[in-house]
Amino acid sequence: INRQYNILNEGGLALHSFFKGQSEEIVEGLKFVYYDKDELMEIFGRRFKIIDIEYYTEMEYEDSIYIIVKKT
């Protein structure tokens, strides 16, 4: 997040997608970290203006969260 903030131009946008939840797991050597909306708003809100954050369905109903942020 800090690196993205540093390389984005003023007014630049970023889009991220996360699995919803509060756990971590490793699948075939890849680490998956799950977040909830409040946690993402806290993390991204420190550096960015949050444009939109919503649940969406990836594999199961509202199992994921997307967030769009802007460097101000």
PDB file of N, CA and C in Angstrom:
ATOM      1  N   ILE A   1       0.833  -1.185   0.000  1.00  0.00           N
ATOM      2  CA  ILE A   1       0.000   0.000   0.000  1.00  0.00           C
ATOM      3  C   ILE A   1       0.879   1.250   0.000  1.00  0.00           C
ATOM      4  N   ASN A   2       1.908   1.243   0.825  1.00  0.00           N
ATOM      5  CA  ASN A   2       2.804   2.402   0.847  1.00  0.00           C
ATOM      6  C   ASN A   2       3.516   2.578  -0.487  1.00  0.00           C
ATOM      7  N   ARG A   3       3.937   1.476  -1.102  1.00  0.00           N
ATOM      8  CA  ARG A   3       4.625   1.562  -2.393  1.00  0.00           C
ATOM      9  C   ARG A   3       3.692   2.122  -3.460  1.00  0.00           C
ATOM     10  N   GLN A   4       2.454   1.661  -3.463  1.00  0.00           N
ATOM     11  CA  GLN A   4       1.499   2.187  -4.437  1.00  0.00           C
ATOM     12  C   GLN A   4       1.276   3.675  -4.223  1.00  0.00           C
ATOM     13  N   TYR A   5       1.169   4.077  -2.983  1.00  0.00           N
ATOM     14  CA  TYR A   5       0.994   5.494  -2.692  1.00  0.00           C
ATOM     15  C   TYR A   5       2.173   6.292  -3.268  1.00  0.00           C
ATOM     16  N   ASN A   6       3.384   5.767  -3.098  1.00  0.00           N
ATOM     17  CA  ASN A   6       4.579   6.479  -3.548  1.00  0.00           C
ATOM     18  C   ASN A   6       4.675   6.593  -5.066  1.00  0.00           C
ATOM     19  N   ILE A   7       4.189   5.591  -5.799  1.00  0.00           N
ATOM     20  CA  ILE A   7       4.350   5.632  -7.255  1.00  0.00           C
ATOM     21  C   ILE A   7       3.148   6.221  -7.993  1.00  0.00           C
ATOM     22  N   LEU A   8       2.005   6.307  -7.338  1.00  0.00           N
ATOM     23  CA  LEU A   8       0.828   6.889  -7.992  1.00  0.00           C
ATOM     24  C   LEU A   8       0.961   8.401  -8.121  1.00  0.00           C
ATOM     25  N   ASN A   9       0.495   8.943  -9.230  1.00  0.00           N
ATOM     26  CA  ASN A   9       0.403  10.387  -9.391  1.00  0.00           C
ATOM     27  C   ASN A   9      -0.705  10.914  -8.488  1.00  0.00           C
ATOM     28  N   GLU A  10      -0.640  12.191  -8.177  1.00  0.00           N
ATOM     29  CA  GLU A  10      -1.720  12.839  -7.421  1.00  0.00           C
ATOM     30  C   GLU A  10      -3.024  12.620  -8.172  1.00  0.00           C
ATOM     31  N   GLY A  11      -4.040  12.163  -7.482  1.00  0.00           N
ATOM     32  CA  GLY A  11      -5.331  11.874  -8.107  1.00  0.00           C
ATOM     33  C   GLY A  11      -5.411  10.481  -8.714  1.00  0.00           C
ATOM     34  N   GLY A  12      -4.291   9.728  -8.652  1.00  0.00           N
ATOM     35  CA  GLY A  12      -4.261   8.373  -9.210  1.00  0.00           C
ATOM     36  C   GLY A  12      -5.176   7.423  -8.460  1.00  0.00           C
ATOM     37  N   LEU A  13      -5.711   6.450  -9.185  1.00  0.00           N
ATOM     38  CA  LEU A  13      -6.642   5.474  -8.620  1.00  0.00           C
ATOM     39  C   LEU A  13      -5.998   4.100  -8.529  1.00  0.00           C
ATOM     40  N   ALA A  14      -6.442   3.328  -7.542  1.00  0.00           N
ATOM     41  CA  ALA A  14      -6.028   1.931  -7.410  1.00  0.00           C
ATOM     42  C   ALA A  14      -7.267   1.102  -7.089  1.00  0.00           C
ATOM     43  N   LEU A  15      -7.300  -0.106  -7.617  1.00  0.00           N
ATOM     44  CA  LEU A  15      -8.388  -1.051  -7.366  1.00  0.00           C
ATOM     45  C   LEU A  15      -7.781  -2.326  -6.806  1.00  0.00           C
ATOM     46  N   HIS A  16      -8.347  -2.813  -5.703  1.00  0.00           N
ATOM     47  CA  HIS A  16      -7.903  -4.061  -5.090  1.00  0.00           C
ATOM     48  C   HIS A  16      -9.103  -4.949  -4.824  1.00  0.00           C
ATOM     49  N   SER A  17      -8.841  -6.240  -4.811  1.00  0.00           N
ATOM     50  CA  SER A  17      -9.868  -7.229  -4.515  1.00  0.00           C
ATOM     51  C   SER A  17      -9.332  -8.160  -3.428  1.00  0.00           C
ATOM     52  N   PHE A  18     -10.175  -8.488  -2.462  1.00  0.00           N
ATOM     53  CA  PHE A  18      -9.780  -9.314  -1.322  1.00  0.00           C
ATOM     54  C   PHE A  18     -10.849 -10.356  -1.039  1.00  0.00           C
ATOM     55  N   PHE A  19     -10.424 -11.494  -0.485  1.00  0.00           N
ATOM     56  CA  PHE A  19     -11.385 -12.456   0.034  1.00  0.00           C
ATOM     57  C   PHE A  19     -11.907 -11.936   1.367  1.00  0.00           C
ATOM     58  N   LYS A  20     -13.196 -12.110   1.612  1.00  0.00           N
ATOM     59  CA  LYS A  20     -13.817 -11.649   2.860  1.00  0.00           C
ATOM     60  C   LYS A  20     -13.604 -12.690   3.949  1.00  0.00           C
ATOM     61  N   GLY A  21     -13.254 -12.238   5.131  1.00  0.00           N
ATOM     62  CA  GLY A  21     -13.088 -13.125   6.275  1.00  0.00           C
ATOM     63  C   GLY A  21     -12.047 -12.588   7.223  1.00  0.00           C
ATOM     64  N   GLN A  22     -11.632 -13.443   8.144  1.00  0.00           N
ATOM     65  CA  GLN A  22     -10.637 -13.028   9.129  1.00  0.00           C
ATOM     66  C   GLN A  22      -9.660 -14.166   9.396  1.00  0.00           C
ATOM     67  N   SER A  23      -9.052 -14.661   8.335  1.00  0.00           N
ATOM     68  CA  SER A  23      -8.115 -15.765   8.504  1.00  0.00           C
ATOM     69  C   SER A  23      -7.021 -15.686   7.456  1.00  0.00           C
ATOM     70  N   GLU A  24      -6.085 -16.615   7.539  1.00  0.00           N
ATOM     71  CA  GLU A  24      -5.015 -16.769   6.573  1.00  0.00           C
ATOM     72  C   GLU A  24      -4.882 -18.245   6.255  1.00  0.00           C
ATOM     73  N   GLU A  25      -4.463 -18.549   5.028  1.00  0.00           N
ATOM     74  CA  GLU A  25      -4.192 -19.936   4.676  1.00  0.00           C
ATOM     75  C   GLU A  25      -3.165 -19.974   3.557  1.00  0.00           C
ATOM     76  N   ILE A  26      -2.489 -21.096   3.441  1.00  0.00           N
ATOM     77  CA  ILE A  26      -1.529 -21.305   2.370  1.00  0.00           C
ATOM     78  C   ILE A  26      -2.045 -22.439   1.496  1.00  0.00           C
ATOM     79  N   VAL A  27      -2.170 -22.141   0.203  1.00  0.00           N
ATOM     80  CA  VAL A  27      -2.662 -23.112  -0.768  1.00  0.00           C
ATOM     81  C   VAL A  27      -1.619 -23.221  -1.870  1.00  0.00           C
ATOM     82  N   GLU A  28      -1.056 -24.399  -2.017  1.00  0.00           N
ATOM     83  CA  GLU A  28      -0.037 -24.657  -3.040  1.00  0.00           C
ATOM     84  C   GLU A  28       1.074 -23.606  -3.013  1.00  0.00           C
ATOM     85  N   GLY A  29       1.512 -23.249  -1.813  1.00  0.00           N
ATOM     86  CA  GLY A  29       2.609 -22.312  -1.638  1.00  0.00           C
ATOM     87  C   GLY A  29       2.235 -20.849  -1.700  1.00  0.00           C
ATOM     88  N   LEU A  30       0.954 -20.535  -1.977  1.00  0.00           N
ATOM     89  CA  LEU A  30       0.501 -19.145  -2.026  1.00  0.00           C
ATOM     90  C   LEU A  30      -0.229 -18.792  -0.734  1.00  0.00           C
ATOM     91  N   LYS A  31       0.087 -17.633  -0.176  1.00  0.00           N
ATOM     92  CA  LYS A  31      -0.547 -17.192   1.063  1.00  0.00           C
ATOM     93  C   LYS A  31      -1.778 -16.352   0.743  1.00  0.00           C
ATOM     94  N   PHE A  32      -2.914 -16.720   1.308  1.00  0.00           N
ATOM     95  CA  PHE A  32      -4.162 -15.985   1.149  1.00  0.00           C
ATOM     96  C   PHE A  32      -4.537 -15.376   2.494  1.00  0.00           C
ATOM     97  N   VAL A  33      -4.769 -14.061   2.493  1.00  0.00           N
ATOM     98  CA  VAL A  33      -5.153 -13.338   3.699  1.00  0.00           C
ATOM     99  C   VAL A  33      -6.547 -12.781   3.473  1.00  0.00           C
ATOM    100  N   TYR A  34      -7.434 -13.010   4.414  1.00  0.00           N
ATOM    101  CA  TYR A  34      -8.831 -12.587   4.317  1.00  0.00           C
ATOM    102  C   TYR A  34      -9.040 -11.350   5.184  1.00  0.00           C
ATOM    103  N   TYR A  35      -9.877 -10.430   4.707  1.00  0.00           N
ATOM    104  CA  TYR A  35     -10.118  -9.162   5.402  1.00  0.00           C
ATOM    105  C   TYR A  35     -11.608  -8.882   5.491  1.00  0.00           C
ATOM    106  N   ASP A  36     -11.981  -7.979   6.409  1.00  0.00           N
ATOM    107  CA  ASP A  36     -13.357  -7.459   6.421  1.00  0.00           C
ATOM    108  C   ASP A  36     -13.316  -5.991   6.010  1.00  0.00           C
ATOM    109  N   LYS A  37     -14.489  -5.442   5.719  1.00  0.00           N
ATOM    110  CA  LYS A  37     -14.561  -4.057   5.221  1.00  0.00           C
ATOM    111  C   LYS A  37     -13.928  -3.056   6.182  1.00  0.00           C
ATOM    112  N   ASP A  38     -14.242  -3.176   7.454  1.00  0.00           N
ATOM    113  CA  ASP A  38     -13.724  -2.215   8.427  1.00  0.00           C
ATOM    114  C   ASP A  38     -12.198  -2.214   8.462  1.00  0.00           C
ATOM    115  N   GLU A  39     -11.611  -3.404   8.391  1.00  0.00           N
ATOM    116  CA  GLU A  39     -10.162  -3.506   8.412  1.00  0.00           C
ATOM    117  C   GLU A  39      -9.543  -2.858   7.169  1.00  0.00           C
ATOM    118  N   LEU A  40     -10.129  -3.104   6.014  1.00  0.00           N
ATOM    119  CA  LEU A  40      -9.618  -2.498   4.781  1.00  0.00           C
ATOM    120  C   LEU A  40      -9.775  -0.987   4.799  1.00  0.00           C
ATOM    121  N   MET A  41     -10.891  -0.504   5.314  1.00  0.00           N
ATOM    122  CA  MET A  41     -11.098   0.946   5.401  1.00  0.00           C
ATOM    123  C   MET A  41     -10.064   1.583   6.320  1.00  0.00           C
ATOM    124  N   GLU A  42      -9.724   0.910   7.393  1.00  0.00           N
ATOM    125  CA  GLU A  42      -8.705   1.414   8.322  1.00  0.00           C
ATOM    126  C   GLU A  42      -7.329   1.439   7.651  1.00  0.00           C
ATOM    127  N   ILE A  43      -6.969   0.354   7.004  1.00  0.00           N
ATOM    128  CA  ILE A  43      -5.645   0.246   6.376  1.00  0.00           C
ATOM    129  C   ILE A  43      -5.486   1.253   5.243  1.00  0.00           C
ATOM    130  N   PHE A  44      -6.422   1.265   4.311  1.00  0.00           N
ATOM    131  CA  PHE A  44      -6.298   2.149   3.145  1.00  0.00           C
ATOM    132  C   PHE A  44      -6.585   3.600   3.494  1.00  0.00           C
ATOM    133  N   GLY A  45      -7.460   3.832   4.467  1.00  0.00           N
ATOM    134  CA  GLY A  45      -7.832   5.190   4.844  1.00  0.00           C
ATOM    135  C   GLY A  45      -6.690   5.998   5.410  1.00  0.00           C
ATOM    136  N   ARG A  46      -5.640   5.341   5.845  1.00  0.00           N
ATOM    137  CA  ARG A  46      -4.468   6.057   6.372  1.00  0.00           C
ATOM    138  C   ARG A  46      -3.736   6.833   5.282  1.00  0.00           C
ATOM    139  N   ARG A  47      -3.788   6.338   4.033  1.00  0.00           N
ATOM    140  CA  ARG A  47      -3.019   6.946   2.951  1.00  0.00           C
ATOM    141  C   ARG A  47      -3.870   7.446   1.788  1.00  0.00           C
ATOM    142  N   PHE A  48      -5.073   6.893   1.633  1.00  0.00           N
ATOM    143  CA  PHE A  48      -5.878   7.171   0.452  1.00  0.00           C
ATOM    144  C   PHE A  48      -7.278   7.639   0.831  1.00  0.00           C
ATOM    145  N   LYS A  49      -7.928   8.300  -0.116  1.00  0.00           N
ATOM    146  CA  LYS A  49      -9.359   8.571  -0.013  1.00  0.00           C
ATOM    147  C   LYS A  49     -10.072   7.343  -0.583  1.00  0.00           C
ATOM    148  N   ILE A  50     -11.002   6.789   0.159  1.00  0.00           N
ATOM    149  CA  ILE A  50     -11.738   5.615  -0.302  1.00  0.00           C
ATOM    150  C   ILE A  50     -12.894   6.090  -1.179  1.00  0.00           C
ATOM    151  N   ILE A  51     -12.869   5.664  -2.444  1.00  0.00           N
ATOM    152  CA  ILE A  51     -13.891   6.041  -3.417  1.00  0.00           C
ATOM    153  C   ILE A  51     -15.083   5.097  -3.317  1.00  0.00           C
ATOM    154  N   ASP A  52     -14.811   3.800  -3.207  1.00  0.00           N
ATOM    155  CA  ASP A  52     -15.878   2.802  -3.123  1.00  0.00           C
ATOM    156  C   ASP A  52     -15.322   1.536  -2.488  1.00  0.00           C
ATOM    157  N   ILE A  53     -16.149   0.870  -1.718  1.00  0.00           N
ATOM    158  CA  ILE A  53     -15.800  -0.425  -1.141  1.00  0.00           C
ATOM    159  C   ILE A  53     -17.092  -1.217  -1.023  1.00  0.00           C
ATOM    160  N   GLU A  54     -17.115  -2.408  -1.612  1.00  0.00           N
ATOM    161  CA  GLU A  54     -18.337  -3.211  -1.641  1.00  0.00           C
ATOM    162  C   GLU A  54     -18.012  -4.696  -1.662  1.00  0.00           C
ATOM    163  N   TYR A  55     -18.975  -5.473  -1.195  1.00  0.00           N
ATOM    164  CA  TYR A  55     -18.898  -6.927  -1.324  1.00  0.00           C
ATOM    165  C   TYR A  55     -19.299  -7.305  -2.740  1.00  0.00           C
ATOM    166  N   TYR A  56     -18.762  -8.410  -3.223  1.00  0.00           N
ATOM    167  CA  TYR A  56     -19.215  -8.979  -4.489  1.00  0.00           C
ATOM    168  C   TYR A  56     -19.056 -10.493  -4.429  1.00  0.00           C
ATOM    169  N   THR A  57     -19.639 -11.166  -5.391  1.00  0.00           N
ATOM    170  CA  THR A  57     -19.633 -12.619  -5.413  1.00  0.00           C
ATOM    171  C   THR A  57     -18.575 -13.124  -6.383  1.00  0.00           C
ATOM    172  N   GLU A  58     -17.602 -13.853  -5.844  1.00  0.00           N
ATOM    173  CA  GLU A  58     -16.570 -14.485  -6.678  1.00  0.00           C
ATOM    174  C   GLU A  58     -16.954 -15.943  -6.925  1.00  0.00           C
ATOM    175  N   MET A  59     -17.052 -16.722  -5.831  1.00  0.00           N
ATOM    176  CA  MET A  59     -17.458 -18.124  -5.940  1.00  0.00           C
ATOM    177  C   MET A  59     -18.708 -18.410  -5.107  1.00  0.00           C
ATOM    178  N   GLU A  60     -18.824 -17.715  -3.982  1.00  0.00           N
ATOM    179  CA  GLU A  60     -19.995 -17.829  -3.109  1.00  0.00           C
ATOM    180  C   GLU A  60     -20.535 -16.425  -2.873  1.00  0.00           C
ATOM    181  N   TYR A  61     -21.780 -16.318  -2.461  1.00  0.00           N
ATOM    182  CA  TYR A  61     -22.445 -15.036  -2.277  1.00  0.00           C
ATOM    183  C   TYR A  61     -21.623 -14.122  -1.358  1.00  0.00           C
ATOM    184  N   GLU A  62     -21.273 -12.938  -1.871  1.00  0.00           N
ATOM    185  CA  GLU A  62     -20.534 -11.900  -1.141  1.00  0.00           C
ATOM    186  C   GLU A  62     -19.310 -12.445  -0.411  1.00  0.00           C
ATOM    187  N   ASP A  63     -18.521 -13.268  -1.104  1.00  0.00           N
ATOM    188  CA  ASP A  63     -17.322 -13.840  -0.504  1.00  0.00           C
ATOM    189  C   ASP A  63     -16.088 -12.971  -0.688  1.00  0.00           C
ATOM    190  N   SER A  64     -16.229 -11.863  -1.417  1.00  0.00           N
ATOM    191  CA  SER A  64     -15.080 -11.008  -1.722  1.00  0.00           C
ATOM    192  C   SER A  64     -15.437  -9.537  -1.544  1.00  0.00           C
ATOM    193  N   ILE A  65     -14.401  -8.725  -1.474  1.00  0.00           N
ATOM    194  CA  ILE A  65     -14.554  -7.279  -1.299  1.00  0.00           C
ATOM    195  C   ILE A  65     -13.660  -6.572  -2.315  1.00  0.00           C
ATOM    196  N   TYR A  66     -14.193  -5.551  -2.972  1.00  0.00           N
ATOM    197  CA  TYR A  66     -13.316  -4.710  -3.790  1.00  0.00           C
ATOM    198  C   TYR A  66     -13.257  -3.337  -3.147  1.00  0.00           C
ATOM    199  N   ILE A  67     -12.141  -2.668  -3.350  1.00  0.00           N
ATOM    200  CA  ILE A  67     -11.980  -1.309  -2.843  1.00  0.00           C
ATOM    201  C   ILE A  67     -11.304  -0.480  -3.922  1.00  0.00           C
ATOM    202  N   ILE A  68     -11.822   0.712  -4.150  1.00  0.00           N
ATOM    203  CA  ILE A  68     -11.237   1.672  -5.076  1.00  0.00           C
ATOM    204  C   ILE A  68     -10.790   2.868  -4.246  1.00  0.00           C
ATOM    205  N   VAL A  69      -9.529   3.235  -4.402  1.00  0.00           N
ATOM    206  CA  VAL A  69      -8.968   4.335  -3.610  1.00  0.00           C
ATOM    207  C   VAL A  69      -8.298   5.356  -4.526  1.00  0.00           C
ATOM    208  N   LYS A  70      -8.151   6.559  -3.995  1.00  0.00           N
ATOM    209  CA  LYS A  70      -7.559   7.663  -4.752  1.00  0.00           C
ATOM    210  C   LYS A  70      -6.489   8.336  -3.920  1.00  0.00           C
ATOM    211  N   LYS A  71      -5.361   8.628  -4.567  1.00  0.00           N
ATOM    212  CA  LYS A  71      -4.312   9.384  -3.889  1.00  0.00           C
ATOM    213  C   LYS A  71      -4.670  10.851  -3.930  1.00  0.00           C
ATOM    214  N   THR A  72      -4.736  11.483  -2.781  1.00  0.00           N
ATOM    215  CA  THR A  72      -5.093  12.905  -2.721  1.00  0.00           C
ATOM    216  C   THR A  72      -3.927  13.733  -2.241  1.00  0.00           C
TER     217      THR A  72
END
